[in-house]
Amino acid sequence: MDIVVKGRKTEVPERFRKHVAEKLKLEKIQKLDGKVISLDVEVSKEPNPRQADRCDRVEITLRSRGPVIRAEAAASDPYAALDLAAEKLDARLRKQHDKRFSRRGARRISAAEVADHVPGAATLNGNGVPVHDEEPDGVPTKKIGSLEVKGEGPLIVREKTHVASPMTLDQALYEMELVGHDFYLFVDSETKEPSVVYRRHAYDYGVIHLSTDPMVAQAQPPAAGGTLGG
């Protein structure tokens, strides 16, 4: 496998190509991901003089049998941008490697052990049917996430709560690529509102911002019980 270095609206000198080969050591990369298919490095230049400190951008794209891993960075010269992008690529490769290793080493538990390992899990009877607490009127009550539902209710497979520090859109894109997901939920540091960035086609990304309509919020009466966030 060779490293393909190309320029977008800029020439790539031979000296920089050699530096890329020295910086991105294929042996080290293949130890972290043995199924690498290709490794592309794209160099581009921002002509806007106001962005002189970020005029050179380097994007590294690693394709393997698993998810595509990208790392990009901008700096005042291509060598500094390459160093930053290489650090990001190494961090994402190590995270993917550790994730695969932890999945392989995880021990599967039987259905009878679920209640001991998962808080709030339903207890199964001898036929493998969940046993719910019965109300005096005979209607079964079950716990779904943070809700207590009588009879048939919404099916919630899993509920998670994360503590998140506000971040910029660039940081959210970096975190999404780091975990290898197609979307990432975050709190926008500018608006302080929840937002979602997601992958669209090729190198395109989309972002959804949520904001509260003050008129609607004032018009609605307070809810009698808890609410289920979507």
Protein backbone atom coordinates (compact mmCIF):
# COMPACT_ATOMS: atom_id res chain seq x y z
CA MET A 1 0.00 0.00 0.00
CA ASP A 2 1.31 3.44 -0.96
CA ILE A 3 0.48 6.86 0.38
CA VAL A 4 -1.19 9.03 -2.27
CA VAL A 5 -0.39 12.74 -1.84
CA LYS A 6 -2.29 15.24 -3.97
CA GLY A 7 -2.85 18.98 -4.02
CA ARG A 8 -6.13 20.79 -4.46
CA LYS A 9 -5.53 24.05 -6.34
CA THR A 10 -1.91 24.00 -5.20
CA GLU A 11 1.35 22.32 -6.13
CA VAL A 12 2.84 19.73 -3.77
CA PRO A 13 6.66 19.82 -3.72
CA GLU A 14 8.65 16.57 -3.70
CA ARG A 15 10.20 17.51 -0.37
CA PHE A 16 6.76 17.58 1.25
CA ARG A 17 5.87 14.18 -0.27
CA LYS A 18 8.96 12.67 1.33
CA HIS A 19 8.07 14.29 4.64
CA VAL A 20 4.59 12.72 4.47
CA ALA A 21 6.13 9.26 4.00
CA GLU A 22 8.40 9.83 7.01
CA LYS A 23 5.62 11.23 9.19
CA LEU A 24 2.92 8.66 8.40
CA LYS A 25 4.74 5.40 9.03
CA LEU A 26 2.77 2.61 7.34
CA GLU A 27 4.14 -0.06 9.70
CA LYS A 28 2.79 1.77 12.71
CA ILE A 29 -0.59 2.40 11.06
CA GLN A 30 -0.98 -1.24 10.00
CA LYS A 31 -0.29 -2.39 13.56
CA LEU A 32 -3.29 -0.37 14.73
CA ASP A 33 -5.45 -1.33 11.73
CA GLY A 34 -4.35 -4.39 9.78
CA LYS A 35 -7.11 -3.99 7.18
CA VAL A 36 -6.00 -0.66 5.69
CA ILE A 37 -6.84 -0.37 1.99
CA SER A 38 -5.63 3.13 1.12
CA LEU A 39 -4.16 6.25 2.71
CA ASP A 40 -4.70 9.59 0.95
CA VAL A 41 -3.26 12.97 1.89
CA GLU A 42 -4.77 16.10 0.33
CA VAL A 43 -3.14 19.53 0.63
CA SER A 44 -5.04 22.74 -0.05
CA LYS A 45 -4.32 26.44 0.39
CA GLU A 46 -6.64 29.22 1.56
CA PRO A 47 -6.02 32.38 -0.53
CA ASN A 48 -7.73 34.70 1.96
CA PRO A 49 -4.96 36.82 3.58
CA ARG A 50 -7.07 37.22 6.71
CA GLN A 51 -6.59 33.51 7.39
CA ALA A 52 -2.81 33.53 7.07
CA ASP A 53 -2.44 31.58 10.31
CA ARG A 54 -4.65 28.80 8.85
CA CYS A 55 -3.89 29.14 5.15
CA ASP A 56 -2.54 25.60 4.64
CA ARG A 57 -4.89 22.66 5.21
CA VAL A 58 -4.02 18.97 5.22
CA GLU A 59 -6.66 16.23 5.17
CA ILE A 60 -5.73 12.58 5.75
CA THR A 61 -8.22 9.89 4.71
CA LEU A 62 -7.67 6.28 5.74
CA ARG A 63 -9.90 3.65 4.18
CA SER A 64 -10.07 0.12 5.48
CA ARG A 65 -12.64 -2.66 5.77
CA GLY A 66 -14.08 -0.79 8.75
CA PRO A 67 -15.29 2.83 8.93
CA VAL A 68 -13.38 5.55 7.06
CA ILE A 69 -11.14 7.56 9.37
CA ARG A 70 -10.39 11.20 8.51
CA ALA A 71 -8.20 13.74 10.19
CA GLU A 72 -7.67 17.30 9.05
CA ALA A 73 -5.92 20.37 10.37
CA ALA A 74 -4.96 23.86 9.24
CA ALA A 75 -1.87 25.90 10.10
CA SER A 76 0.40 28.63 8.77
CA ASP A 77 2.41 26.11 6.73
CA PRO A 78 1.70 22.60 5.35
CA TYR A 79 4.29 20.89 7.55
CA ALA A 80 2.67 22.15 10.76
CA ALA A 81 -0.78 21.23 9.40
CA LEU A 82 0.48 17.72 8.59
CA ASP A 83 1.85 17.29 12.12
CA LEU A 84 -1.51 18.27 13.65
CA ALA A 85 -3.50 16.05 11.29
CA ALA A 86 -1.15 13.10 11.92
CA GLU A 87 -1.67 13.46 15.68
CA LYS A 88 -5.45 13.39 15.21
CA LEU A 89 -5.22 10.35 12.94
CA ASP A 90 -3.07 8.49 15.46
CA ALA A 91 -5.53 9.28 18.29
CA ARG A 92 -8.51 8.07 16.24
CA LEU A 93 -6.72 4.91 15.14
CA ARG A 94 -5.82 4.09 18.74
CA LYS A 95 -9.41 4.67 19.85
CA GLN A 96 -10.73 2.36 17.14
CA HIS A 97 -8.09 -0.22 18.01
CA ASP A 98 -8.94 -0.11 21.73
CA LYS A 99 -12.66 -0.34 20.93
CA ARG A 100 -12.15 -3.48 18.83
CA PHE A 101 -9.92 -5.01 21.50
CA SER A 102 -12.42 -4.35 24.30
CA ARG A 103 -15.24 -5.86 22.25
CA ARG A 104 -13.26 -9.02 21.63
CA GLY A 105 -12.33 -9.35 25.29
CA ALA A 106 -15.83 -8.74 26.63
CA ARG A 107 -17.50 -11.82 28.10
CA ARG A 108 -21.05 -12.54 27.04
CA ILE A 109 -23.51 -12.95 29.89
CA SER A 110 -26.49 -15.25 29.95
CA ALA A 111 -30.09 -14.04 30.16
CA ALA A 112 -30.23 -15.17 33.79
CA GLU A 113 -27.29 -12.86 34.65
CA VAL A 114 -28.72 -9.74 33.00
CA ALA A 115 -30.56 -8.57 36.11
CA ASP A 116 -27.30 -8.80 38.10
CA HIS A 117 -25.32 -6.73 35.58
CA VAL A 118 -27.91 -4.27 34.25
CA PRO A 119 -29.71 -2.06 36.78
CA GLY A 120 -33.44 -1.86 36.18
CA ALA A 121 -33.51 -4.87 33.85
CA ALA A 122 -36.67 -6.94 33.80
CA THR A 123 -36.69 -10.26 35.67
CA LEU A 124 -37.53 -13.31 33.55
CA ASN A 125 -39.64 -16.24 34.66
CA GLY A 126 -38.93 -19.89 33.82
CA ASN A 127 -40.34 -19.47 30.30
CA GLY A 128 -38.14 -16.44 29.55
CA VAL A 129 -41.07 -14.02 29.80
CA PRO A 130 -40.50 -10.71 31.67
CA VAL A 131 -42.15 -10.61 35.08
CA HIS A 132 -43.69 -7.22 35.91
CA ASP A 133 -45.07 -5.91 39.16
CA GLU A 134 -48.83 -6.21 39.32
CA GLU A 135 -51.05 -3.34 40.44
CA PRO A 136 -54.12 -4.05 42.61
CA ASP A 137 -56.38 -3.57 39.57
CA GLY A 138 -54.50 -6.32 37.70
CA VAL A 139 -52.84 -3.99 35.15
CA PRO A 140 -49.09 -4.70 34.95
CA THR A 141 -46.74 -1.81 35.63
CA LYS A 142 -43.26 -1.79 34.19
CA LYS A 143 -40.27 0.54 34.30
CA ILE A 144 -39.18 1.94 30.92
CA GLY A 145 -36.17 4.21 31.25
CA SER A 146 -37.16 6.87 33.76
CA LEU A 147 -40.89 6.26 33.16
CA GLU A 148 -43.28 3.97 34.99
CA VAL A 149 -45.80 2.70 32.45
CA LYS A 150 -49.08 0.89 33.06
CA GLY A 151 -50.04 -1.72 30.50
CA GLU A 152 -48.77 -1.19 26.94
CA GLY A 153 -46.50 1.80 26.58
CA PRO A 154 -43.71 3.21 24.41
CA LEU A 155 -40.84 0.86 23.68
CA ILE A 156 -37.60 2.42 24.94
CA VAL A 157 -34.65 0.17 24.30
CA ARG A 158 -32.06 2.22 26.12
CA GLU A 159 -31.80 5.58 27.87
CA LYS A 160 -28.55 7.44 28.51
CA THR A 161 -27.65 10.73 30.14
CA HIS A 162 -24.33 12.40 29.32
CA VAL A 163 -22.68 15.43 30.89
CA ALA A 164 -21.43 17.57 27.99
CA SER A 165 -19.38 20.75 27.92
CA PRO A 166 -20.37 23.29 25.24
CA MET A 167 -18.20 23.03 22.11
CA THR A 168 -17.82 24.55 18.67
CA LEU A 169 -19.01 22.92 15.47
CA ASP A 170 -15.42 22.04 14.50
CA GLN A 171 -14.93 20.30 17.84
CA ALA A 172 -18.17 18.36 17.38
CA LEU A 173 -17.05 17.19 13.92
CA TYR A 174 -13.73 16.07 15.39
CA GLU A 175 -15.47 14.14 18.19
CA MET A 176 -17.86 12.49 15.71
CA GLU A 177 -14.97 11.30 13.53
CA LEU A 178 -13.11 10.20 16.66
CA VAL A 179 -15.86 7.83 17.78
CA GLY A 180 -16.63 6.74 14.21
CA HIS A 181 -20.35 7.53 14.34
CA ASP A 182 -22.57 9.06 11.65
CA PHE A 183 -23.95 11.70 14.02
CA TYR A 184 -22.93 13.50 17.19
CA LEU A 185 -25.12 15.31 19.75
CA PHE A 186 -23.54 18.35 21.41
CA VAL A 187 -24.26 21.71 23.07
CA ASP A 188 -23.30 24.62 20.82
CA SER A 189 -20.90 26.95 22.64
CA GLU A 190 -22.32 30.00 20.83
CA THR A 191 -26.07 29.40 21.22
CA LYS A 192 -25.93 27.14 24.32
CA GLU A 193 -28.61 25.06 22.58
CA PRO A 194 -28.52 21.31 21.80
CA SER A 195 -27.40 20.53 18.25
CA VAL A 196 -26.66 17.47 16.14
CA VAL A 197 -23.99 17.21 13.46
CA TYR A 198 -24.33 14.31 11.02
CA ARG A 199 -22.59 12.81 8.00
CA ARG A 200 -24.29 13.25 4.62
CA HIS A 201 -22.54 12.28 1.38
CA ALA A 202 -18.78 11.93 0.79
CA TYR A 203 -17.17 14.82 2.69
CA ASP A 204 -20.42 16.71 3.34
CA TYR A 205 -21.82 17.21 6.83
CA GLY A 206 -25.11 18.57 8.11
CA VAL A 207 -26.04 20.20 11.39
CA ILE A 208 -29.40 20.53 13.15
CA HIS A 209 -29.88 23.19 15.82
CA LEU A 210 -32.70 23.08 18.37
CA SER A 211 -34.11 26.24 19.92
CA THR A 212 -37.06 26.85 22.18
CA ASP A 213 -39.91 29.01 20.89
CA PRO A 214 -40.57 31.41 23.82
CA MET A 215 -44.18 32.01 22.71
CA VAL A 216 -44.97 28.29 22.63
CA ALA A 217 -43.17 27.67 25.93
CA GLN A 218 -45.24 30.39 27.67
CA ALA A 219 -48.52 29.22 26.15
CA GLN A 220 -48.14 25.60 27.25
CA PRO A 221 -49.38 24.73 30.77
CA PRO A 222 -46.93 22.92 33.05
CA ALA A 223 -46.99 19.16 32.56
CA ALA A 224 -48.53 17.03 35.30
CA GLY A 225 -45.86 14.36 35.07
CA GLY A 226 -42.40 13.80 33.67
CA THR A 227 -41.55 14.37 30.02
CA LEU A 228 -39.76 12.11 27.62
CA GLY A 229 -37.04 13.89 25.69
CA GLY A 230 -36.57 13.01 22.07
